[in-house]
N, C-alpha and C. Protein backbone atom coordinates (compact mmCIF):
# COMPACT_ATOMS: atom_id res chain seq x y z
N MET A 1 119.91 54.88 93.66
CA MET A 1 121.03 54.75 92.94
C MET A 1 120.95 54.13 91.61
N SER A 2 120.79 54.74 90.59
CA SER A 2 120.35 53.87 89.25
C SER A 2 121.65 53.69 88.31
N GLN A 3 122.74 54.38 88.45
CA GLN A 3 123.66 54.08 87.46
C GLN A 3 124.89 53.12 87.84
N ASP A 4 125.40 52.38 87.06
CA ASP A 4 126.53 51.45 87.21
C ASP A 4 127.73 52.20 87.52
N ASN A 5 127.95 53.39 86.85
CA ASN A 5 129.20 54.04 87.18
C ASN A 5 128.77 55.54 87.63
N PRO A 6 128.76 55.59 89.01
CA PRO A 6 128.14 56.90 89.74
C PRO A 6 129.24 57.95 89.19
N PRO A 7 128.57 59.26 89.05
CA PRO A 7 129.47 60.31 88.55
C PRO A 7 130.18 61.05 89.72
N PHE A 8 129.75 60.64 90.78
CA PHE A 8 130.33 61.55 91.93
C PHE A 8 130.86 60.76 93.15
N GLU A 9 132.03 61.38 93.92
CA GLU A 9 132.18 60.55 95.22
C GLU A 9 131.72 61.56 96.10
N ILE A 10 130.99 61.04 97.06
CA ILE A 10 130.20 61.94 98.06
C ILE A 10 130.80 61.85 99.45
N HIS A 11 130.97 62.71 100.01
CA HIS A 11 131.48 62.75 101.31
C HIS A 11 130.51 63.47 102.17
N VAL A 12 130.16 62.61 103.42
CA VAL A 12 129.34 63.42 104.41
C VAL A 12 130.00 63.50 105.69
N HIS A 13 129.72 64.88 106.19
CA HIS A 13 130.64 64.94 107.26
C HIS A 13 129.82 65.76 108.48
N GLY A 14 129.69 65.43 109.54
CA GLY A 14 129.02 66.03 110.72
C GLY A 14 128.83 65.31 112.00
N ASP A 15 128.77 66.14 113.05
CA ASP A 15 128.26 65.23 114.48
C ASP A 15 126.95 65.94 114.85
N VAL A 16 126.05 64.90 115.10
CA VAL A 16 124.93 65.04 115.54
C VAL A 16 124.59 64.74 117.29
N PRO A 17 124.36 65.75 118.03
CA PRO A 17 124.05 65.40 119.43
C PRO A 17 122.42 64.73 119.44
N LEU A 18 122.30 63.66 120.10
CA LEU A 18 121.21 62.85 120.15
C LEU A 18 120.46 62.73 121.45
N ARG A 19 119.23 62.83 121.55
CA ARG A 19 118.49 62.82 122.90
C ARG A 19 119.07 61.56 123.79
N ASP A 20 119.03 61.73 125.11
CA ASP A 20 119.58 60.49 125.94
C ASP A 20 118.86 59.25 125.85
N ASP A 21 117.60 59.26 125.41
CA ASP A 21 116.69 58.31 125.34
C ASP A 21 116.90 57.46 123.92
N VAL A 22 117.57 57.97 123.01
CA VAL A 22 117.74 57.41 121.75
C VAL A 22 118.61 56.31 121.62
N ASP A 23 118.17 55.09 121.10
CA ASP A 23 119.01 53.89 121.00
C ASP A 23 119.35 53.72 119.30
N PHE A 24 120.07 52.55 119.25
CA PHE A 24 120.60 52.31 117.81
C PHE A 24 119.37 52.02 117.00
N PRO A 25 118.30 51.29 117.26
CA PRO A 25 117.39 51.16 116.27
C PRO A 25 116.87 52.27 115.73
N GLN A 26 116.64 53.31 116.62
CA GLN A 26 115.99 54.58 116.20
C GLN A 26 116.96 55.21 115.27
N ILE A 27 118.24 55.21 115.53
CA ILE A 27 119.28 55.79 114.48
C ILE A 27 119.30 55.13 113.24
N GLN A 28 119.26 53.84 113.29
CA GLN A 28 119.19 52.94 111.99
C GLN A 28 117.84 53.56 111.13
N GLU A 29 116.69 53.54 111.81
CA GLU A 29 115.46 54.20 111.25
C GLU A 29 115.60 55.36 110.58
N ALA A 30 116.08 56.42 111.35
CA ALA A 30 116.13 57.81 110.84
C ALA A 30 117.27 57.78 109.60
N LEU A 31 118.17 56.92 109.55
CA LEU A 31 119.17 56.98 108.55
C LEU A 31 118.86 55.92 107.43
N ARG A 32 117.91 55.46 107.59
CA ARG A 32 117.24 54.33 106.53
C ARG A 32 117.59 54.85 105.19
N PRO A 33 117.27 56.22 104.60
CA PRO A 33 117.51 56.68 103.34
C PRO A 33 118.93 56.56 102.91
N LEU A 34 119.83 56.67 103.94
CA LEU A 34 121.27 56.62 103.53
C LEU A 34 121.64 55.26 103.11
N TRP A 35 121.50 54.24 104.02
CA TRP A 35 121.79 52.80 103.87
C TRP A 35 121.20 52.14 102.76
N GLN A 36 119.79 52.59 102.57
CA GLN A 36 119.15 51.85 101.54
C GLN A 36 119.72 52.53 100.21
N TYR A 37 120.23 53.74 100.09
CA TYR A 37 120.61 54.46 98.98
C TYR A 37 121.90 53.61 98.60
N VAL A 38 122.63 53.08 99.36
CA VAL A 38 123.87 52.37 98.88
C VAL A 38 123.56 50.87 98.81
N GLY A 39 122.31 50.49 99.02
CA GLY A 39 121.89 49.09 98.61
C GLY A 39 122.11 48.08 99.90
N ALA A 40 122.21 48.64 101.06
CA ALA A 40 122.63 47.80 102.31
C ALA A 40 121.44 47.38 102.67
N ARG A 41 121.46 46.31 103.62
CA ARG A 41 120.26 45.98 104.48
C ARG A 41 119.88 46.36 105.76
N SER A 42 121.29 47.01 106.17
CA SER A 42 121.11 47.72 107.55
C SER A 42 122.32 48.85 107.73
N LEU A 43 121.93 49.71 108.64
CA LEU A 43 123.04 50.74 108.85
C LEU A 43 124.38 50.11 109.11
N VAL A 44 124.43 49.05 109.81
CA VAL A 44 126.02 48.38 110.03
C VAL A 44 126.29 48.07 108.86
N ASP A 45 125.65 47.51 107.86
CA ASP A 45 126.05 47.10 106.68
C ASP A 45 126.91 48.22 105.90
N ALA A 46 126.13 49.35 106.10
CA ALA A 46 126.55 50.68 105.28
C ALA A 46 127.46 51.52 105.87
N ALA A 47 127.66 51.32 107.22
CA ALA A 47 128.47 52.23 107.82
C ALA A 47 129.96 52.61 107.59
N THR A 48 130.55 51.65 106.97
CA THR A 48 131.95 51.79 106.48
C THR A 48 132.06 52.70 105.28
N SER A 49 133.14 53.58 105.51
CA SER A 49 133.46 54.60 104.30
C SER A 49 134.32 53.79 103.25
N ASN A 50 134.10 54.31 102.05
CA ASN A 50 135.00 53.97 101.14
C ASN A 50 136.67 54.13 101.55
N TYR A 51 136.83 55.04 102.25
CA TYR A 51 138.29 55.08 102.77
C TYR A 51 138.49 54.67 104.13
N GLU A 52 139.62 53.82 104.31
CA GLU A 52 139.71 53.00 105.47
C GLU A 52 140.12 53.96 106.66
N GLU A 53 140.79 55.16 106.25
CA GLU A 53 141.13 56.10 107.43
C GLU A 53 139.94 57.02 107.88
N GLU A 54 138.87 56.79 107.30
CA GLU A 54 137.63 57.65 107.76
C GLU A 54 136.64 56.64 108.64
N PRO A 55 136.20 57.27 109.76
CA PRO A 55 135.34 56.41 110.70
C PRO A 55 134.00 55.85 110.09
N GLY A 56 133.62 56.59 109.01
CA GLY A 56 132.34 56.05 108.61
C GLY A 56 131.19 56.66 109.30
N ILE A 57 130.28 55.90 109.58
CA ILE A 57 129.02 56.38 110.58
C ILE A 57 129.06 55.64 111.89
N ARG A 58 129.31 56.35 112.87
CA ARG A 58 129.34 55.79 114.22
C ARG A 58 128.53 56.42 115.16
N PHE A 59 128.15 55.69 116.09
CA PHE A 59 127.18 56.08 117.23
C PHE A 59 128.10 56.00 118.43
N ASP A 60 128.20 57.21 119.22
CA ASP A 60 128.92 56.99 120.54
C ASP A 60 127.96 57.18 121.70
N PRO A 61 127.45 55.89 122.27
CA PRO A 61 126.41 55.92 123.18
C PRO A 61 126.79 56.73 124.48
N LYS A 62 128.09 56.93 124.99
CA LYS A 62 128.37 57.63 126.11
C LYS A 62 128.29 59.02 125.92
N ALA A 63 128.61 59.56 124.79
CA ALA A 63 128.32 61.02 124.51
C ALA A 63 126.89 61.39 123.90
N HIS A 64 126.35 60.20 123.37
CA HIS A 64 124.96 60.31 122.67
C HIS A 64 125.33 61.10 121.58
N LEU A 65 126.18 60.66 120.85
CA LEU A 65 126.68 61.47 119.48
C LEU A 65 126.67 60.68 118.34
N LEU A 66 126.05 61.02 117.28
CA LEU A 66 126.10 60.44 115.93
C LEU A 66 127.29 61.16 115.37
N GLN A 67 128.19 60.33 114.63
CA GLN A 67 129.43 61.01 114.04
C GLN A 67 129.42 60.29 112.62
N MET A 68 129.62 61.24 111.75
CA MET A 68 129.59 60.83 110.20
C MET A 68 130.82 61.43 109.66
N CYS A 69 131.64 60.66 109.19
CA CYS A 69 132.78 60.91 108.23
C CYS A 69 132.79 59.86 107.26
N TRP A 70 131.89 59.78 106.09
CA TRP A 70 131.52 58.57 105.41
C TRP A 70 131.60 59.00 103.86
N THR A 71 132.35 58.33 103.08
CA THR A 71 132.38 58.43 101.69
C THR A 71 131.85 57.46 100.88
N ILE A 72 131.01 57.71 99.88
CA ILE A 72 130.45 56.74 98.96
C ILE A 72 130.34 57.30 97.53
N GLU A 73 130.07 56.48 96.66
CA GLU A 73 129.88 56.92 95.25
C GLU A 73 128.47 56.98 95.00
N GLY A 74 127.83 57.87 94.25
CA GLY A 74 126.64 58.25 93.92
C GLY A 74 126.29 59.15 92.78
N ASP A 75 125.07 59.59 93.00
CA ASP A 75 124.57 60.53 91.82
C ASP A 75 123.94 61.77 92.41
N ASP A 76 123.29 62.78 91.71
CA ASP A 76 122.55 63.87 92.34
C ASP A 76 121.45 63.36 93.02
N ASP A 77 120.99 62.22 92.88
CA ASP A 77 119.67 61.83 93.57
C ASP A 77 120.06 61.45 95.03
N PHE A 78 121.32 61.59 95.43
CA PHE A 78 121.59 61.51 96.81
C PHE A 78 121.13 62.65 97.63
N ARG A 79 120.97 63.83 97.08
CA ARG A 79 120.32 64.96 97.88
C ARG A 79 119.02 64.64 98.30
N LEU A 80 118.17 64.03 97.79
CA LEU A 80 116.94 63.65 98.42
C LEU A 80 117.12 62.59 99.44
N ALA A 81 118.23 61.60 99.29
CA ALA A 81 118.39 60.61 100.54
C ALA A 81 118.86 61.62 101.64
N ILE A 82 119.71 62.37 101.47
CA ILE A 82 120.25 63.09 102.74
C ILE A 82 119.20 63.97 103.27
N GLU A 83 118.34 64.43 102.38
CA GLU A 83 117.09 65.47 102.91
C GLU A 83 116.27 64.63 103.78
N GLU A 84 115.86 63.25 103.29
CA GLU A 84 115.04 62.42 103.98
C GLU A 84 115.81 62.10 105.32
N ALA A 85 116.92 61.80 105.32
CA ALA A 85 117.78 61.29 106.45
C ALA A 85 117.69 62.64 107.41
N CYS A 86 117.77 63.69 107.09
CA CYS A 86 117.94 64.68 107.90
C CYS A 86 116.55 65.12 108.67
N MET A 87 115.48 64.78 107.87
CA MET A 87 114.02 64.78 108.40
C MET A 87 113.96 63.66 109.46
N GLY A 88 114.58 62.45 109.39
CA GLY A 88 114.79 61.47 110.47
C GLY A 88 115.47 62.04 111.63
N LEU A 89 116.58 62.81 111.38
CA LEU A 89 117.41 63.07 112.53
C LEU A 89 116.85 64.26 113.37
N ASN A 90 115.98 65.06 112.66
CA ASN A 90 115.28 65.97 113.28
C ASN A 90 114.41 65.42 114.74
N GLU A 91 113.80 64.20 114.48
CA GLU A 91 113.18 63.58 115.36
C GLU A 91 113.82 62.98 116.65
N ILE A 92 115.18 62.85 116.37
CA ILE A 92 116.17 62.44 117.46
C ILE A 92 117.06 63.12 118.11
N SER A 93 117.23 64.20 117.58
CA SER A 93 118.57 65.19 117.96
C SER A 93 118.00 65.82 119.19
N ALA A 94 119.06 66.11 119.66
CA ALA A 94 119.03 67.01 121.24
C ALA A 94 119.15 68.47 120.90
N MET A 95 119.88 68.73 119.96
CA MET A 95 120.13 70.13 119.79
C MET A 95 120.51 70.39 118.17
N GLY A 96 120.80 71.55 117.67
CA GLY A 96 120.93 72.03 116.35
C GLY A 96 122.43 71.46 115.95
N ALA A 97 122.62 71.12 114.70
CA ALA A 97 123.71 70.47 114.08
C ALA A 97 123.74 70.70 112.64
N ALA A 98 124.97 70.95 112.07
CA ALA A 98 125.39 71.08 110.57
C ALA A 98 125.84 69.80 109.94
N ILE A 99 125.44 69.57 108.91
CA ILE A 99 125.93 68.18 108.18
C ILE A 99 126.48 68.79 106.80
N GLU A 100 127.60 68.53 106.59
CA GLU A 100 128.37 68.96 105.21
C GLU A 100 128.37 67.77 104.29
N VAL A 101 127.85 68.07 102.96
CA VAL A 101 127.90 66.89 102.14
C VAL A 101 128.53 67.49 100.91
N SER A 102 129.71 66.86 100.40
CA SER A 102 130.52 67.27 99.31
C SER A 102 130.42 66.47 98.03
N PHE A 103 130.23 67.04 96.86
CA PHE A 103 130.34 66.06 95.81
C PHE A 103 131.43 66.36 95.03
N TYR A 104 132.12 65.20 94.58
CA TYR A 104 133.41 65.33 93.85
C TYR A 104 133.16 64.72 92.42
N ASP A 105 133.39 65.46 91.35
CA ASP A 105 133.23 64.96 90.02
C ASP A 105 134.21 63.80 89.73
N LEU A 106 133.85 62.52 89.56
CA LEU A 106 134.89 61.49 89.43
C LEU A 106 134.99 61.29 87.75
N GLU A 107 134.13 62.07 86.96
CA GLU A 107 134.24 62.01 85.55
C GLU A 107 135.41 63.13 85.10
N PHE A 108 135.68 63.87 85.79
CA PHE A 108 136.55 65.04 85.63
C PHE A 108 138.10 64.59 85.69
N ASP A 109 138.76 64.90 84.74
CA ASP A 109 140.33 64.65 84.73
C ASP A 109 141.12 65.86 84.41
N GLU A 110 141.65 66.44 85.31
CA GLU A 110 142.33 67.81 85.37
C GLU A 110 143.28 67.76 84.20
N ASP A 111 143.99 66.93 84.06
CA ASP A 111 145.16 66.71 82.98
C ASP A 111 144.68 66.65 81.63
N GLU A 112 143.58 65.80 81.59
CA GLU A 112 142.92 65.69 80.21
C GLU A 112 141.80 66.70 79.80
N ALA A 113 141.51 67.59 80.61
CA ALA A 113 140.27 68.34 80.33
C ALA A 113 140.78 69.52 79.49
N GLU A 114 139.77 69.75 78.43
CA GLU A 114 139.95 70.98 77.92
C GLU A 114 139.90 72.30 78.56
N PRO A 115 140.86 73.18 78.06
CA PRO A 115 140.90 74.54 78.52
C PRO A 115 139.52 75.08 78.77
N GLY A 116 139.28 75.81 79.97
CA GLY A 116 138.01 76.34 80.27
C GLY A 116 137.03 75.44 80.87
N THR A 117 137.08 74.13 80.82
CA THR A 117 136.17 73.29 81.50
C THR A 117 136.54 73.07 82.80
N GLN A 118 135.49 72.96 83.77
CA GLN A 118 135.65 72.70 85.23
C GLN A 118 134.81 71.59 85.60
N ALA A 119 135.35 70.93 86.78
CA ALA A 119 134.68 69.92 87.53
C ALA A 119 133.21 70.20 87.92
N ARG A 120 132.41 69.27 87.90
CA ARG A 120 131.13 69.60 88.52
C ARG A 120 130.90 69.41 90.11
N ASP A 121 132.09 69.70 90.75
CA ASP A 121 132.20 69.59 92.15
C ASP A 121 131.06 70.39 92.66
N ASP A 122 130.47 70.06 93.76
CA ASP A 122 129.17 70.77 94.52
C ASP A 122 129.45 70.47 95.94
N PHE A 123 128.90 71.40 96.63
CA PHE A 123 128.96 71.37 98.22
C PHE A 123 127.46 71.73 98.72
N LEU A 124 126.90 71.06 99.67
CA LEU A 124 125.79 71.02 100.13
C LEU A 124 125.82 71.16 101.80
N MET A 125 125.05 72.29 102.26
CA MET A 125 125.35 72.24 103.87
C MET A 125 123.74 72.05 104.43
N CYS A 126 123.45 70.98 105.20
CA CYS A 126 122.08 70.51 105.57
C CYS A 126 122.26 71.16 107.33
N PHE A 127 121.14 71.36 107.74
CA PHE A 127 120.95 71.51 109.20
C PHE A 127 119.84 70.74 109.76
N VAL A 128 120.11 70.12 110.94
CA VAL A 128 119.07 69.46 111.64
C VAL A 128 118.97 69.93 113.06
N GLY A 129 117.96 69.55 113.84
CA GLY A 129 117.60 69.88 115.00
C GLY A 129 116.25 69.65 115.52
N PRO A 130 116.15 69.60 116.75
CA PRO A 130 114.74 69.36 117.54
C PRO A 130 113.77 70.26 117.17
N THR A 131 113.94 71.59 116.88
CA THR A 131 113.06 72.59 116.64
C THR A 131 113.65 73.45 115.66
N PRO A 132 112.71 74.14 114.92
CA PRO A 132 113.29 75.32 114.01
C PRO A 132 114.22 76.15 114.68
N ALA A 133 113.89 76.55 116.02
CA ALA A 133 114.63 77.54 116.61
C ALA A 133 116.17 77.10 116.75
N ALA A 134 116.20 75.73 117.11
CA ALA A 134 117.59 75.09 117.27
C ALA A 134 118.39 75.08 116.00
N ILE A 135 117.65 74.96 114.74
CA ILE A 135 118.36 74.90 113.69
C ILE A 135 118.78 76.08 113.22
N MET A 136 118.06 77.24 113.41
CA MET A 136 118.54 78.75 113.22
C MET A 136 119.45 79.05 114.10
N GLN A 137 119.67 78.63 115.22
CA GLN A 137 120.86 79.00 115.97
C GLN A 137 122.12 78.44 115.48
N VAL A 138 122.06 77.21 114.88
CA VAL A 138 123.32 76.70 114.33
C VAL A 138 123.49 77.25 113.01
N GLN A 139 122.46 77.90 112.17
CA GLN A 139 122.70 78.75 111.03
C GLN A 139 123.38 79.98 111.36
N ARG A 140 122.84 80.72 112.23
CA ARG A 140 123.30 81.95 112.98
C ARG A 140 124.86 82.01 113.31
N ASP A 141 125.13 80.76 114.23
CA ASP A 141 126.44 80.69 114.69
C ASP A 141 127.45 80.62 113.63
N MET A 142 127.01 79.68 112.65
CA MET A 142 128.14 79.46 111.51
C MET A 142 128.01 80.64 110.60
N LEU A 143 127.03 81.50 110.48
CA LEU A 143 127.10 82.79 109.56
C LEU A 143 127.85 83.63 110.36
N VAL A 144 127.82 84.07 111.56
CA VAL A 144 128.58 84.80 112.35
C VAL A 144 130.09 84.37 112.30
N HIS A 145 130.35 83.32 112.67
CA HIS A 145 131.77 82.91 112.41
C HIS A 145 132.47 83.29 110.95
N ASP A 146 131.66 83.06 110.15
CA ASP A 146 132.05 83.10 108.54
C ASP A 146 132.33 84.75 108.26
N VAL A 147 131.50 85.39 108.81
CA VAL A 147 131.52 86.89 108.36
C VAL A 147 132.40 87.63 109.34
N VAL A 148 132.65 87.02 110.65
CA VAL A 148 133.61 87.72 111.47
C VAL A 148 135.06 87.50 110.90
N GLN A 149 135.17 86.07 110.62
CA GLN A 149 136.48 85.77 110.03
C GLN A 149 136.80 86.43 108.97
N LEU A 150 135.90 86.76 107.89
CA LEU A 150 136.18 87.50 106.51
C LEU A 150 136.59 88.80 106.94
N MET A 151 135.66 89.58 107.99
CA MET A 151 135.88 91.04 108.28
C MET A 151 137.01 91.44 109.14
N GLU A 152 137.39 90.31 109.80
CA GLU A 152 138.73 90.53 110.73
C GLU A 152 140.01 90.82 109.90
N ARG A 153 139.98 90.54 108.50
CA ARG A 153 141.07 91.01 107.73
C ARG A 153 141.27 92.47 107.62
N HIS A 154 140.06 93.13 107.67
CA HIS A 154 139.98 94.59 107.71
C HIS A 154 139.66 95.41 108.80
N PHE A 155 138.96 94.92 109.87
CA PHE A 155 138.64 95.56 111.06
C PHE A 155 139.10 94.67 112.42
N ASP A 156 139.11 95.33 113.32
CA ASP A 156 139.30 94.68 114.72
C ASP A 156 137.90 94.23 115.13
N ALA A 157 138.14 92.77 115.81
CA ALA A 157 136.93 92.14 116.32
C ALA A 157 136.13 93.02 117.11
N SER A 158 136.60 94.02 117.88
CA SER A 158 135.82 94.93 118.79
C SER A 158 134.95 95.92 117.83
N GLU A 159 135.21 95.99 116.67
CA GLU A 159 134.42 96.89 115.68
C GLU A 159 133.20 96.29 115.17
N LEU A 160 133.11 94.93 115.23
CA LEU A 160 132.16 94.22 114.44
C LEU A 160 130.82 93.81 115.38
N GLY A 161 130.55 94.48 116.38
CA GLY A 161 129.31 94.22 117.21
C GLY A 161 128.10 94.81 116.44
N GLY A 162 128.08 95.70 115.73
CA GLY A 162 126.85 96.05 115.04
C GLY A 162 126.69 95.04 113.86
N VAL A 163 127.54 94.48 113.01
CA VAL A 163 127.25 93.32 112.17
C VAL A 163 126.71 92.09 112.66
N ILE A 164 127.25 91.76 113.86
CA ILE A 164 126.57 90.67 114.59
C ILE A 164 125.27 91.05 115.12
N GLN A 165 124.85 92.18 115.34
CA GLN A 165 123.57 92.49 115.72
C GLN A 165 122.64 92.33 114.62
N ALA A 166 123.19 92.93 113.44
CA ALA A 166 122.28 92.93 112.17
C ALA A 166 122.09 91.45 111.82
N ILE A 167 123.00 90.52 111.92
CA ILE A 167 122.71 89.28 111.60
C ILE A 167 121.55 88.67 112.62
N ASP A 168 121.91 89.05 113.89
CA ASP A 168 120.84 88.30 114.74
C ASP A 168 119.45 88.88 114.53
N GLN A 169 119.34 90.19 114.15
CA GLN A 169 118.05 90.79 113.75
C GLN A 169 117.45 89.93 112.43
N LEU A 170 118.33 89.81 111.41
CA LEU A 170 117.82 89.02 110.44
C LEU A 170 117.19 87.59 110.82
N PHE A 171 117.79 86.93 111.49
CA PHE A 171 117.52 85.65 112.22
C PHE A 171 116.07 85.66 112.92
N ALA A 172 116.13 86.81 113.67
CA ALA A 172 114.84 86.97 114.75
C ALA A 172 113.68 87.36 113.68
N ASN A 173 113.90 88.11 112.63
CA ASN A 173 113.03 88.66 111.61
C ASN A 173 112.28 87.34 111.02
N ARG A 174 113.29 86.44 110.53
CA ARG A 174 112.82 84.94 109.92
C ARG A 174 112.05 84.04 110.94
N PHE A 175 112.67 84.06 112.23
CA PHE A 175 111.95 83.29 113.04
C PHE A 175 110.31 83.78 113.40
N ASP A 176 110.32 85.06 113.56
CA ASP A 176 109.11 85.51 113.75
C ASP A 176 108.01 85.48 112.64
N ALA A 177 108.59 85.58 111.30
CA ALA A 177 107.82 85.39 110.15
C ALA A 177 107.32 83.92 110.16
N MET A 178 108.14 82.92 110.55
CA MET A 178 107.79 81.61 110.46
C MET A 178 106.78 81.09 111.64
N VAL A 179 106.99 81.78 112.71
CA VAL A 179 106.07 81.38 113.78
C VAL A 179 104.70 81.97 113.54
N ASN A 180 104.75 83.11 112.85
CA ASN A 180 103.35 83.76 112.43
C ASN A 180 102.62 82.94 111.39
N SER A 181 103.43 82.30 110.47
CA SER A 181 102.90 81.45 109.34
C SER A 181 102.33 80.33 109.84
N LEU A 182 103.08 79.70 111.02
CA LEU A 182 102.54 78.49 111.68
C LEU A 182 100.99 78.79 112.41
N GLN A 183 101.15 79.98 113.01
CA GLN A 183 99.92 80.46 113.77
C GLN A 183 98.60 80.49 112.84
N LEU A 184 98.99 81.18 111.57
CA LEU A 184 98.05 81.26 110.53
C LEU A 184 97.33 79.82 110.12
N GLY A 185 98.31 78.97 110.17
CA GLY A 185 97.98 77.63 109.49
C GLY A 185 97.15 76.76 110.51
N LYS A 186 97.02 77.20 111.79
CA LYS A 186 96.29 76.25 112.89
C LYS A 186 94.84 76.36 112.55
N PRO A 187 94.17 75.16 112.70
CA PRO A 187 92.73 75.35 112.43
C PRO A 187 92.07 75.74 113.80
N PRO A 188 90.73 76.31 113.46
CA PRO A 188 90.10 76.83 114.66
C PRO A 188 89.90 75.91 115.69
N ARG A 189 89.79 76.44 116.92
CA ARG A 189 89.69 75.71 118.19
C ARG A 189 88.42 74.62 117.89
N GLY A 190 88.65 73.34 118.32
CA GLY A 190 87.61 72.30 118.05
C GLY A 190 87.34 71.92 116.55
N GLY A 191 88.19 72.44 115.70
CA GLY A 191 87.94 71.93 114.51
C GLY A 191 89.37 71.42 113.88
N GLY A 192 89.46 70.80 112.67
CA GLY A 192 90.73 70.23 112.13
C GLY A 192 91.08 69.02 112.47
N HIS A 193 92.13 68.62 112.22
CA HIS A 193 92.75 67.48 112.65
C HIS A 193 94.33 67.48 112.90
N GLY A 194 94.76 67.57 114.08
CA GLY A 194 96.19 67.42 114.45
C GLY A 194 97.02 68.78 114.29
N GLY A 195 96.26 69.81 113.99
CA GLY A 195 97.08 71.13 113.99
C GLY A 195 97.93 71.24 112.59
N PRO A 196 98.84 72.26 112.58
CA PRO A 196 99.50 72.58 111.32
C PRO A 196 100.77 71.45 111.12
N ARG A 197 100.99 71.52 109.98
CA ARG A 197 102.18 70.45 109.68
C ARG A 197 103.36 71.05 110.23
N LYS A 198 104.22 69.94 110.64
CA LYS A 198 105.62 70.47 111.00
C LYS A 198 106.28 71.06 109.91
N PRO A 199 107.23 72.06 110.37
CA PRO A 199 108.00 72.68 109.24
C PRO A 199 109.04 71.66 108.94
N ARG A 200 109.50 71.62 107.69
CA ARG A 200 110.48 70.98 106.96
C ARG A 200 111.95 71.55 107.70
N HIS A 201 113.03 70.67 107.72
CA HIS A 201 114.27 71.09 108.23
C HIS A 201 114.75 72.17 107.34
N LEU A 202 115.50 73.07 107.68
CA LEU A 202 115.89 74.22 106.86
C LEU A 202 117.47 74.09 106.42
N HIS A 203 117.75 74.18 105.20
CA HIS A 203 119.08 74.06 104.71
C HIS A 203 119.05 74.85 103.51
């Protein structure tokens, strides 16, 4: 974070199920990009939200769940920090999960703004998971939910089976294409070093 007066209020929201063997030091390392972004020396120092009513960043060891309802101030460069944190969470997650990131324009005053001008508010949806398939499953479930909710204004839920099948086919095609690209990237047997690169998280 490079500016003294950050232009955005940034809210991070999501619950990430973690593997049973994951402990707090691993979570702290995975989220290092976030707590370093706010200039903290540890996750504990950074975990408190700007708003008292929000829980901030918490780990529930009984449920093995990372809970984030965390607001800070920052700039567009936070996108890189959250992307790097998602890469770290991929390594310790137990299943796919979605993380919502909202950017609210602090420099926009609705009362003083000229007609026709708009706030630079923005929204980012990130997905994490132990495998690309787990990430795609979350993406698929969210899309089905949104599409069904929209179409139920005009059609009965029982009429939407074909729409859901089409969505499933789209994700199946994407997954097959990704698997095929990874197969093409593999070195010949007995050659190369370490196999193909791991795919980056999808968002």
